[in-house]
Amino acid sequence: MEDRGCCFSVISRHRSVRSFSTEPIPEEDISKILEAARRHVSPWNIQPVHVTVVTDSKLKSRLSDALWGQEQIKEAPVFFCLQC
C-alpha cells in the first residue's frame, strides 16, 4: 500500500509528446522497449500484444496517412505499432 503514492505521482506526471528528434534510436534501446512491452501485465499472464517496429520512411508516411494524418508518425525515427 505504501507504493500507491508513487504510482499516482508517476501517472499524474504523464504527458503526451508529439514532437520527436530525427536522431536514430540505438537497437539496444529498441530491444529494451520491446522487452518492457513483453513484460506488461495482462490477465492470466497471456501478454496478448504484438509489436511491429517500423523504421521505413515510406511505410511511416503511409501509416501517418491511414491514421488521420498524424504527422508525428512520419517524424519519429521509429514507430511502434501495437496490436492487442
C-alpha atoms as a PDB file:
ATOM      1  CA  MET A   1       0.000   0.000   0.000  1.00  0.00           C
ATOM      2  CA  GLU A   2       2.938   2.346   0.566  1.00  0.00           C
ATOM      3  CA  ASP A   3       3.830   2.358  -3.163  1.00  0.00           C
ATOM      4  CA  ARG A   4       0.407   3.670  -4.158  1.00  0.00           C
ATOM      5  CA  GLY A   5       1.512   7.295  -3.796  1.00  0.00           C
ATOM      6  CA  CYS A   6       4.471   6.713  -6.080  1.00  0.00           C
ATOM      7  CA  CYS A   7       2.244   5.149  -8.733  1.00  0.00           C
ATOM      8  CA  PHE A   8      -0.198   8.051  -8.671  1.00  0.00           C
ATOM      9  CA  SER A   9       2.694  10.501  -8.807  1.00  0.00           C
ATOM     10  CA  VAL A  10       4.054   8.865 -11.969  1.00  0.00           C
ATOM     11  CA  ILE A  11       0.599   8.747 -13.592  1.00  0.00           C
ATOM     12  CA  SER A  12      -0.101  12.398 -12.788  1.00  0.00           C
ATOM     13  CA  ARG A  13       3.155  13.494 -14.484  1.00  0.00           C
ATOM     14  CA  HIS A  14       2.292  11.680 -17.745  1.00  0.00           C
ATOM     15  CA  ARG A  15       2.489  13.866 -20.839  1.00  0.00           C
ATOM     16  CA  SER A  16       1.842  13.115 -24.491  1.00  0.00           C
ATOM     17  CA  VAL A  17       4.690  14.043 -26.792  1.00  0.00           C
ATOM     18  CA  ARG A  18       4.038  14.727 -30.456  1.00  0.00           C
ATOM     19  CA  SER A  19       7.358  16.262 -31.408  1.00  0.00           C
ATOM     20  CA  PHE A  20      10.341  13.998 -31.972  1.00  0.00           C
ATOM     21  CA  SER A  21      14.028  14.155 -32.693  1.00  0.00           C
ATOM     22  CA  THR A  22      15.089  12.685 -36.011  1.00  0.00           C
ATOM     23  CA  GLU A  23      18.154  11.158 -34.321  1.00  0.00           C
ATOM     24  CA  PRO A  24      18.250   7.374 -34.799  1.00  0.00           C
ATOM     25  CA  ILE A  25      17.380   5.195 -31.815  1.00  0.00           C
ATOM     26  CA  PRO A  26      20.030   2.596 -30.942  1.00  0.00           C
ATOM     27  CA  GLU A  27      19.000  -1.038 -31.426  1.00  0.00           C
ATOM     28  CA  GLU A  28      19.774  -1.686 -27.747  1.00  0.00           C
ATOM     29  CA  ASP A  29      17.160   0.906 -26.715  1.00  0.00           C
ATOM     30  CA  ILE A  30      14.594  -0.568 -29.099  1.00  0.00           C
ATOM     31  CA  SER A  31      15.250  -4.004 -27.580  1.00  0.00           C
ATOM     32  CA  LYS A  32      14.696  -2.597 -24.061  1.00  0.00           C
ATOM     33  CA  ILE A  33      11.385  -1.026 -25.136  1.00  0.00           C
ATOM     34  CA  LEU A  34      10.248  -4.307 -26.702  1.00  0.00           C
ATOM     35  CA  GLU A  35      11.223  -6.221 -23.551  1.00  0.00           C
ATOM     36  CA  ALA A  36       9.178  -3.802 -21.430  1.00  0.00           C
ATOM     37  CA  ALA A  37       6.177  -4.342 -23.736  1.00  0.00           C
ATOM     38  CA  ARG A  38       6.645  -8.104 -23.495  1.00  0.00           C
ATOM     39  CA  ARG A  39       6.603  -7.971 -19.696  1.00  0.00           C
ATOM     40  CA  HIS A  40       3.443  -5.866 -19.364  1.00  0.00           C
ATOM     41  CA  VAL A  41       0.757  -7.109 -17.017  1.00  0.00           C
ATOM     42  CA  SER A  42      -2.134  -8.975 -18.600  1.00  0.00           C
ATOM     43  CA  PRO A  43      -4.983 -11.239 -17.436  1.00  0.00           C
ATOM     44  CA  TRP A  44      -3.775 -14.775 -16.778  1.00  0.00           C
ATOM     45  CA  ASN A  45      -0.295 -13.670 -17.922  1.00  0.00           C
ATOM     46  CA  ILE A  46      -1.160 -14.195 -21.599  1.00  0.00           C
ATOM     47  CA  GLN A  47       0.543 -10.967 -22.868  1.00  0.00           C
ATOM     48  CA  PRO A  48      -1.739 -10.553 -25.907  1.00  0.00           C
ATOM     49  CA  VAL A  49       0.279  -7.748 -27.515  1.00  0.00           C
ATOM     50  CA  HIS A  50       2.137  -7.881 -30.797  1.00  0.00           C
ATOM     51  CA  VAL A  51       4.561  -5.078 -31.583  1.00  0.00           C
ATOM     52  CA  THR A  52       5.676  -4.141 -35.072  1.00  0.00           C
ATOM     53  CA  VAL A  53       8.699  -1.849 -35.258  1.00  0.00           C
ATOM     54  CA  VAL A  54       8.518   0.495 -38.250  1.00  0.00           C
ATOM     55  CA  THR A  55      11.597   2.436 -39.375  1.00  0.00           C
ATOM     56  CA  ASP A  56      10.978   2.640 -43.135  1.00  0.00           C
ATOM     57  CA  SER A  57      10.079   6.243 -44.005  1.00  0.00           C
ATOM     58  CA  LYS A  58       7.704   5.296 -46.846  1.00  0.00           C
ATOM     59  CA  LEU A  59       5.771   2.926 -44.580  1.00  0.00           C
ATOM     60  CA  LYS A  60       5.664   5.506 -41.770  1.00  0.00           C
ATOM     61  CA  SER A  61       4.256   8.003 -44.279  1.00  0.00           C
ATOM     62  CA  ARG A  62       1.541   5.552 -45.345  1.00  0.00           C
ATOM     63  CA  LEU A  63       0.717   4.805 -41.693  1.00  0.00           C
ATOM     64  CA  SER A  64       0.527   8.536 -40.977  1.00  0.00           C
ATOM     65  CA  ASP A  65      -2.000   8.989 -43.780  1.00  0.00           C
ATOM     66  CA  ALA A  66      -4.006   5.943 -42.671  1.00  0.00           C
ATOM     67  CA  LEU A  67      -4.104   7.235 -39.086  1.00  0.00           C
ATOM     68  CA  TRP A  68      -5.831  10.524 -39.862  1.00  0.00           C
ATOM     69  CA  GLY A  69      -2.712  12.474 -40.864  1.00  0.00           C
ATOM     70  CA  GLN A  70      -0.716  12.164 -37.650  1.00  0.00           C
ATOM     71  CA  GLU A  71       2.451  13.893 -38.842  1.00  0.00           C
ATOM     72  CA  GLN A  72       4.450  12.797 -35.777  1.00  0.00           C
ATOM     73  CA  ILE A  73       4.487   9.240 -37.133  1.00  0.00           C
ATOM     74  CA  LYS A  74       6.477  10.441 -40.149  1.00  0.00           C
ATOM     75  CA  GLU A  75       8.829  12.498 -37.985  1.00  0.00           C
ATOM     76  CA  ALA A  76       9.696   9.846 -35.390  1.00  0.00           C
ATOM     77  CA  PRO A  77      12.765   7.731 -36.169  1.00  0.00           C
ATOM     78  CA  VAL A  78      10.862   4.620 -35.033  1.00  0.00           C
ATOM     79  CA  PHE A  79       7.133   3.913 -34.844  1.00  0.00           C
ATOM     80  CA  PHE A  80       5.918   1.109 -32.588  1.00  0.00           C
ATOM     81  CA  CYS A  81       2.645  -0.331 -33.832  1.00  0.00           C
ATOM     82  CA  LEU A  82       0.845  -2.213 -31.044  1.00  0.00           C
ATOM     83  CA  GLN A  83      -1.773  -4.790 -31.872  1.00  0.00           C
ATOM     84  CA  CYS A  84      -3.738  -6.138 -28.919  1.00  0.00           C
END
